[in-house]
């Protein structure tokens, strides 16, 4: 019973060890990234695609923000112009001092908003040109990477083909057993 008591005392450790062994999936069930057919180049390409999608989304978000700002500025300018038009339509002889002050104030506000919108348009154009330059740089980078990748694959294929071209010829029937053994894998061959 002591063994049983001792076993129970240390049973949790033993059970954990057994469970750990039993919980391991069979070798065929384990899918490791290292065992898959995914290469570093494949991962790089996928990461690059994700980064490009992110860049496109960030650019689109920026464009939409410019558009929203432009729409809001245009709405405000239109509202102020309507109010100004109402004041301007009043004959000069009937305008009060408040009308004249409001007219001047509206013209200044409209002018300020037009300047802000002009700045926004210039900024959007600057961003568009910067993005175009980034696209050119990326195209150049991708072209050089593609050329490099193709060259590496070609070199790898040449290395794989090269050993086959230098293999020893198959033995002819006229060769002796010792020559066959030597050509097979050296004198330490266990085939014979």
C-alpha atoms as a PDB file:
ATOM      1  CA  UNK A   1       0.000   0.000   0.000  1.00  0.00           C
ATOM      2  CA  UNK A   2       2.939   2.291   0.544  1.00  0.00           C
ATOM      3  CA  UNK A   3       3.574   2.228  -3.168  1.00  0.00           C
ATOM      4  CA  UNK A   4      -0.065   3.155  -3.654  1.00  0.00           C
ATOM      5  CA  UNK A   5       0.183   5.920  -1.063  1.00  0.00           C
ATOM      6  CA  UNK A   6       3.429   7.116  -2.533  1.00  0.00           C
ATOM      7  CA  UNK A   7       1.910   6.885  -5.960  1.00  0.00           C
ATOM      8  CA  UNK A   8      -1.064   8.957  -4.835  1.00  0.00           C
ATOM      9  CA  UNK A   9       1.191  11.471  -3.170  1.00  0.00           C
ATOM     10  CA  UNK A  10       3.184  11.977  -6.341  1.00  0.00           C
ATOM     11  CA  UNK A  11       0.299  11.002  -8.576  1.00  0.00           C
ATOM     12  CA  UNK A  12      -0.468  14.519  -9.690  1.00  0.00           C
ATOM     13  CA  UNK A  13       2.985  14.813 -11.195  1.00  0.00           C
ATOM     14  CA  UNK A  14       2.717  11.416 -12.798  1.00  0.00           C
ATOM     15  CA  UNK A  15      -0.764  12.145 -14.078  1.00  0.00           C
ATOM     16  CA  UNK A  16       0.361  15.421 -15.577  1.00  0.00           C
ATOM     17  CA  UNK A  17       3.216  13.709 -17.315  1.00  0.00           C
ATOM     18  CA  UNK A  18       0.950  10.975 -18.654  1.00  0.00           C
ATOM     19  CA  UNK A  19      -1.709  13.475 -19.673  1.00  0.00           C
ATOM     20  CA  UNK A  20       0.879  15.621 -21.377  1.00  0.00           C
ATOM     21  CA  UNK A  21       2.000  12.595 -23.361  1.00  0.00           C
ATOM     22  CA  UNK A  22      -1.566  11.536 -24.108  1.00  0.00           C
ATOM     23  CA  UNK A  23      -2.691  15.076 -25.060  1.00  0.00           C
ATOM     24  CA  UNK A  24      -0.083  15.338 -27.787  1.00  0.00           C
ATOM     25  CA  UNK A  25      -1.721  14.918 -31.158  1.00  0.00           C
ATOM     26  CA  UNK A  26      -0.404  12.269 -33.478  1.00  0.00           C
ATOM     27  CA  UNK A  27       2.427  13.330 -35.736  1.00  0.00           C
ATOM     28  CA  UNK A  28       0.082  13.428 -38.710  1.00  0.00           C
ATOM     29  CA  UNK A  29      -2.297  15.782 -36.848  1.00  0.00           C
ATOM     30  CA  UNK A  30       0.338  18.401 -36.057  1.00  0.00           C
ATOM     31  CA  UNK A  31       0.494  21.220 -38.555  1.00  0.00           C
ATOM     32  CA  UNK A  32       3.541  23.340 -38.031  1.00  0.00           C
ATOM     33  CA  UNK A  33       4.433  26.355 -40.081  1.00  0.00           C
ATOM     34  CA  UNK A  34       7.877  24.848 -40.448  1.00  0.00           C
ATOM     35  CA  UNK A  35       6.365  21.695 -41.949  1.00  0.00           C
ATOM     36  CA  UNK A  36       4.083  23.490 -44.380  1.00  0.00           C
ATOM     37  CA  UNK A  37       4.903  24.377 -47.927  1.00  0.00           C
ATOM     38  CA  UNK A  38       4.826  28.106 -47.131  1.00  0.00           C
ATOM     39  CA  UNK A  39       8.158  29.747 -47.852  1.00  0.00           C
ATOM     40  CA  UNK A  40       9.634  32.925 -46.449  1.00  0.00           C
ATOM     41  CA  UNK A  41       9.037  34.519 -49.842  1.00  0.00           C
ATOM     42  CA  UNK A  42       5.354  33.528 -49.666  1.00  0.00           C
ATOM     43  CA  UNK A  43       5.074  35.119 -46.218  1.00  0.00           C
ATOM     44  CA  UNK A  44       6.880  38.244 -47.444  1.00  0.00           C
ATOM     45  CA  UNK A  45       4.496  38.488 -50.395  1.00  0.00           C
ATOM     46  CA  UNK A  46       1.457  38.068 -48.132  1.00  0.00           C
ATOM     47  CA  UNK A  47       2.757  40.672 -45.671  1.00  0.00           C
ATOM     48  CA  UNK A  48       3.459  43.023 -48.559  1.00  0.00           C
ATOM     49  CA  UNK A  49      -0.091  42.548 -49.876  1.00  0.00           C
ATOM     50  CA  UNK A  50      -1.519  43.316 -46.444  1.00  0.00           C
ATOM     51  CA  UNK A  51       0.680  46.391 -46.142  1.00  0.00           C
ATOM     52  CA  UNK A  52      -0.426  47.595 -49.580  1.00  0.00           C
ATOM     53  CA  UNK A  53      -4.090  47.089 -48.642  1.00  0.00           C
ATOM     54  CA  UNK A  54      -3.490  49.035 -45.434  1.00  0.00           C
ATOM     55  CA  UNK A  55      -1.809  51.835 -47.419  1.00  0.00           C
ATOM     56  CA  UNK A  56      -4.723  51.950 -49.868  1.00  0.00           C
ATOM     57  CA  UNK A  57      -7.205  52.133 -46.984  1.00  0.00           C
ATOM     58  CA  UNK A  58      -5.231  54.894 -45.252  1.00  0.00           C
ATOM     59  CA  UNK A  59      -5.094  56.841 -48.521  1.00  0.00           C
ATOM     60  CA  UNK A  60      -8.820  56.370 -49.062  1.00  0.00           C
ATOM     61  CA  UNK A  61      -9.541  57.497 -45.498  1.00  0.00           C
ATOM     62  CA  UNK A  62      -7.451  60.613 -46.130  1.00  0.00           C
ATOM     63  CA  UNK A  63      -9.302  61.309 -49.399  1.00  0.00           C
ATOM     64  CA  UNK A  64     -12.661  60.918 -47.668  1.00  0.00           C
ATOM     65  CA  UNK A  65     -11.614  63.311 -44.901  1.00  0.00           C
ATOM     66  CA  UNK A  66     -10.569  65.902 -47.514  1.00  0.00           C
ATOM     67  CA  UNK A  67     -13.893  65.399 -49.275  1.00  0.00           C
ATOM     68  CA  UNK A  68     -15.873  65.789 -46.034  1.00  0.00           C
ATOM     69  CA  UNK A  69     -13.963  68.952 -45.129  1.00  0.00           C
ATOM     70  CA  UNK A  70     -14.500  70.313 -48.632  1.00  0.00           C
ATOM     71  CA  UNK A  71     -18.238  69.567 -48.515  1.00  0.00           C
ATOM     72  CA  UNK A  72     -18.590  71.229 -45.107  1.00  0.00           C
ATOM     73  CA  UNK A  73     -16.655  74.290 -46.279  1.00  0.00           C
ATOM     74  CA  UNK A  74     -18.761  74.524 -49.429  1.00  0.00           C
ATOM     75  CA  UNK A  75     -21.996  74.256 -47.438  1.00  0.00           C
ATOM     76  CA  UNK A  76     -20.865  76.991 -45.061  1.00  0.00           C
ATOM     77  CA  UNK A  77     -19.728  79.223 -47.938  1.00  0.00           C
ATOM     78  CA  UNK A  78     -23.058  78.678 -49.700  1.00  0.00           C
ATOM     79  CA  UNK A  79     -25.010  79.519 -46.532  1.00  0.00           C
ATOM     80  CA  UNK A  80     -22.980  82.694 -45.968  1.00  0.00           C
ATOM     81  CA  UNK A  81     -23.339  83.725 -49.630  1.00  0.00           C
ATOM     82  CA  UNK A  82     -27.116  83.379 -49.417  1.00  0.00           C
ATOM     83  CA  UNK A  83     -27.188  85.559 -46.343  1.00  0.00           C
ATOM     84  CA  UNK A  84     -24.874  88.063 -48.039  1.00  0.00           C
ATOM     85  CA  UNK A  85     -27.059  88.031 -51.143  1.00  0.00           C
ATOM     86  CA  UNK A  86     -30.091  88.925 -49.013  1.00  0.00           C
ATOM     87  CA  UNK A  87     -28.236  91.884 -47.493  1.00  0.00           C
ATOM     88  CA  UNK A  88     -26.849  93.034 -50.853  1.00  0.00           C
ATOM     89  CA  UNK A  89     -30.349  92.945 -52.372  1.00  0.00           C
ATOM     90  CA  UNK A  90     -31.415  95.632 -49.908  1.00  0.00           C
ATOM     91  CA  UNK A  91     -31.129  99.062 -51.531  1.00  0.00           C
ATOM     92  CA  UNK A  92     -28.267 101.168 -50.149  1.00  0.00           C
ATOM     93  CA  UNK A  93     -30.628 103.827 -48.923  1.00  0.00           C
ATOM     94  CA  UNK A  94     -32.526 101.288 -46.807  1.00  0.00           C
ATOM     95  CA  UNK A  95     -29.488  99.505 -45.269  1.00  0.00           C
ATOM     96  CA  UNK A  96     -28.899 100.036 -41.608  1.00  0.00           C
ATOM     97  CA  UNK A  97     -25.548 100.239 -39.895  1.00  0.00           C
ATOM     98  CA  UNK A  98     -26.040  96.601 -38.709  1.00  0.00           C
ATOM     99  CA  UNK A  99     -26.668  95.537 -42.325  1.00  0.00           C
ATOM    100  CA  UNK A 100     -23.449  97.163 -43.470  1.00  0.00           C
ATOM    101  CA  UNK A 101     -21.457  95.623 -40.588  1.00  0.00           C
ATOM    102  CA  UNK A 102     -22.977  92.201 -41.220  1.00  0.00           C
ATOM    103  CA  UNK A 103     -22.247  92.510 -44.942  1.00  0.00           C
ATOM    104  CA  UNK A 104     -18.574  93.268 -44.213  1.00  0.00           C
ATOM    105  CA  UNK A 105     -18.417  90.458 -41.653  1.00  0.00           C
ATOM    106  CA  UNK A 106     -19.935  87.960 -44.109  1.00  0.00           C
ATOM    107  CA  UNK A 107     -17.475  88.954 -46.842  1.00  0.00           C
ATOM    108  CA  UNK A 108     -14.556  88.406 -44.456  1.00  0.00           C
ATOM    109  CA  UNK A 109     -15.914  85.042 -43.322  1.00  0.00           C
ATOM    110  CA  UNK A 110     -16.478  83.932 -46.919  1.00  0.00           C
ATOM    111  CA  UNK A 111     -12.988  85.094 -47.875  1.00  0.00           C
ATOM    112  CA  UNK A 112     -11.468  83.176 -44.941  1.00  0.00           C
ATOM    113  CA  UNK A 113     -13.416  80.015 -45.832  1.00  0.00           C
ATOM    114  CA  UNK A 114     -12.393  80.278 -49.496  1.00  0.00           C
ATOM    115  CA  UNK A 115      -8.742  80.583 -48.436  1.00  0.00           C
ATOM    116  CA  UNK A 116      -9.162  77.556 -46.154  1.00  0.00           C
ATOM    117  CA  UNK A 117     -10.731  75.582 -49.008  1.00  0.00           C
ATOM    118  CA  UNK A 118      -7.912  76.620 -51.372  1.00  0.00           C
ATOM    119  CA  UNK A 119      -5.384  75.422 -48.796  1.00  0.00           C
ATOM    120  CA  UNK A 120      -7.315  72.146 -48.477  1.00  0.00           C
ATOM    121  CA  UNK A 121      -7.296  71.646 -52.257  1.00  0.00           C
ATOM    122  CA  UNK A 122      -3.543  72.388 -52.409  1.00  0.00           C
ATOM    123  CA  UNK A 123      -2.897  69.966 -49.555  1.00  0.00           C
ATOM    124  CA  UNK A 124      -4.961  67.255 -51.257  1.00  0.00           C
ATOM    125  CA  UNK A 125      -3.025  67.806 -54.494  1.00  0.00           C
ATOM    126  CA  UNK A 126       0.295  67.635 -52.616  1.00  0.00           C
ATOM    127  CA  UNK A 127      -0.812  64.329 -51.030  1.00  0.00           C
ATOM    128  CA  UNK A 128      -1.860  62.976 -54.423  1.00  0.00           C
ATOM    129  CA  UNK A 129       1.550  63.836 -55.916  1.00  0.00           C
ATOM    130  CA  UNK A 130       3.364  62.349 -52.899  1.00  0.00           C
ATOM    131  CA  UNK A 131       1.352  59.151 -53.214  1.00  0.00           C
ATOM    132  CA  UNK A 132       2.119  58.999 -56.939  1.00  0.00           C
ATOM    133  CA  UNK A 133       5.845  59.277 -56.140  1.00  0.00           C
ATOM    134  CA  UNK A 134       5.510  56.548 -53.487  1.00  0.00           C
ATOM    135  CA  UNK A 135       3.794  54.354 -56.085  1.00  0.00           C
ATOM    136  CA  UNK A 136       6.667  54.908 -58.530  1.00  0.00           C
ATOM    137  CA  UNK A 137       9.239  54.068 -55.848  1.00  0.00           C
ATOM    138  CA  UNK A 138       7.271  50.960 -54.888  1.00  0.00           C
ATOM    139  CA  UNK A 139       7.032  49.852 -58.514  1.00  0.00           C
ATOM    140  CA  UNK A 140      10.799  50.256 -58.878  1.00  0.00           C
ATOM    141  CA  UNK A 141      11.377  48.312 -55.640  1.00  0.00           C
ATOM    142  CA  UNK A 142       9.024  45.537 -56.708  1.00  0.00           C
ATOM    143  CA  UNK A 143      10.651  45.312 -60.116  1.00  0.00           C
ATOM    144  CA  UNK A 144      14.103  44.972 -58.528  1.00  0.00           C
ATOM    145  CA  UNK A 145      12.784  42.436 -55.981  1.00  0.00           C
ATOM    146  CA  UNK A 146      11.065  40.456 -58.727  1.00  0.00           C
ATOM    147  CA  UNK A 147      14.239  40.463 -60.808  1.00  0.00           C
ATOM    148  CA  UNK A 148      16.265  39.372 -57.757  1.00  0.00           C
ATOM    149  CA  UNK A 149      13.754  36.621 -56.875  1.00  0.00           C
ATOM    150  CA  UNK A 150      13.737  35.310 -60.430  1.00  0.00           C
ATOM    151  CA  UNK A 151      17.542  35.328 -60.487  1.00  0.00           C
ATOM    152  CA  UNK A 152      17.659  33.449 -57.149  1.00  0.00           C
ATOM    153  CA  UNK A 153      15.154  30.849 -58.374  1.00  0.00           C
ATOM    154  CA  UNK A 154      17.112  30.428 -61.586  1.00  0.00           C
ATOM    155  CA  UNK A 155      20.348  29.989 -59.645  1.00  0.00           C
ATOM    156  CA  UNK A 156      18.648  27.478 -57.334  1.00  0.00           C
ATOM    157  CA  UNK A 157      17.356  25.512 -60.303  1.00  0.00           C
ATOM    158  CA  UNK A 158      20.824  25.565 -61.869  1.00  0.00           C
ATOM    159  CA  UNK A 159      22.323  24.240 -58.604  1.00  0.00           C
ATOM    160  CA  UNK A 160      19.730  21.501 -58.479  1.00  0.00           C
ATOM    161  CA  UNK A 161      20.346  20.555 -62.105  1.00  0.00           C
ATOM    162  CA  UNK A 162      24.145  20.753 -61.808  1.00  0.00           C
ATOM    163  CA  UNK A 163      24.611  17.812 -59.397  1.00  0.00           C
ATOM    164  CA  UNK A 164      22.599  15.573 -61.717  1.00  0.00           C
ATOM    165  CA  UNK A 165      24.838  16.448 -64.646  1.00  0.00           C
ATOM    166  CA  UNK A 166      27.947  15.395 -62.687  1.00  0.00           C
ATOM    167  CA  UNK A 167      26.602  12.081 -61.418  1.00  0.00           C
ATOM    168  CA  UNK A 168      28.600   8.986 -62.135  1.00  0.00           C
ATOM    169  CA  UNK A 169      27.454   6.920 -65.054  1.00  0.00           C
ATOM    170  CA  UNK A 170      25.534   3.781 -64.254  1.00  0.00           C
ATOM    171  CA  UNK A 171      27.709   0.718 -64.217  1.00  0.00           C
ATOM    172  CA  UNK A 172      27.832  -1.476 -67.296  1.00  0.00           C
ATOM    173  CA  UNK A 173      27.419  -5.212 -67.048  1.00  0.00           C
ATOM    174  CA  UNK A 174      31.082  -5.671 -67.891  1.00  0.00           C
ATOM    175  CA  UNK A 175      32.279  -4.010 -64.681  1.00  0.00           C
ATOM    176  CA  UNK A 176      33.482  -6.226 -61.864  1.00  0.00           C
ATOM    177  CA  UNK A 177      31.669  -6.519 -58.525  1.00  0.00           C
ATOM    178  CA  UNK A 178      34.304  -4.406 -56.772  1.00  0.00           C
ATOM    179  CA  UNK A 179      33.921  -1.636 -59.359  1.00  0.00           C
ATOM    180  CA  UNK A 180      30.136  -1.790 -58.949  1.00  0.00           C
ATOM    181  CA  UNK A 181      30.524  -1.569 -55.189  1.00  0.00           C
ATOM    182  CA  UNK A 182      32.936   1.363 -55.475  1.00  0.00           C
ATOM    183  CA  UNK A 183      30.618   3.251 -57.894  1.00  0.00           C
ATOM    184  CA  UNK A 184      27.588   2.595 -55.677  1.00  0.00           C
ATOM    185  CA  UNK A 185      28.685   4.250 -52.444  1.00  0.00           C
ATOM    186  CA  UNK A 186      32.306   3.468 -51.800  1.00  0.00           C
ATOM    187  CA  UNK A 187      33.982   0.463 -50.289  1.00  0.00           C
ATOM    188  CA  UNK A 188      31.928   0.695 -47.085  1.00  0.00           C
ATOM    189  CA  UNK A 189      28.725  -0.308 -48.895  1.00  0.00           C
ATOM    190  CA  UNK A 190      26.623  -2.866 -47.025  1.00  0.00           C
ATOM    191  CA  UNK A 191      24.582  -3.901 -50.051  1.00  0.00           C
ATOM    192  CA  UNK A 192      26.971  -6.747 -50.856  1.00  0.00           C
END
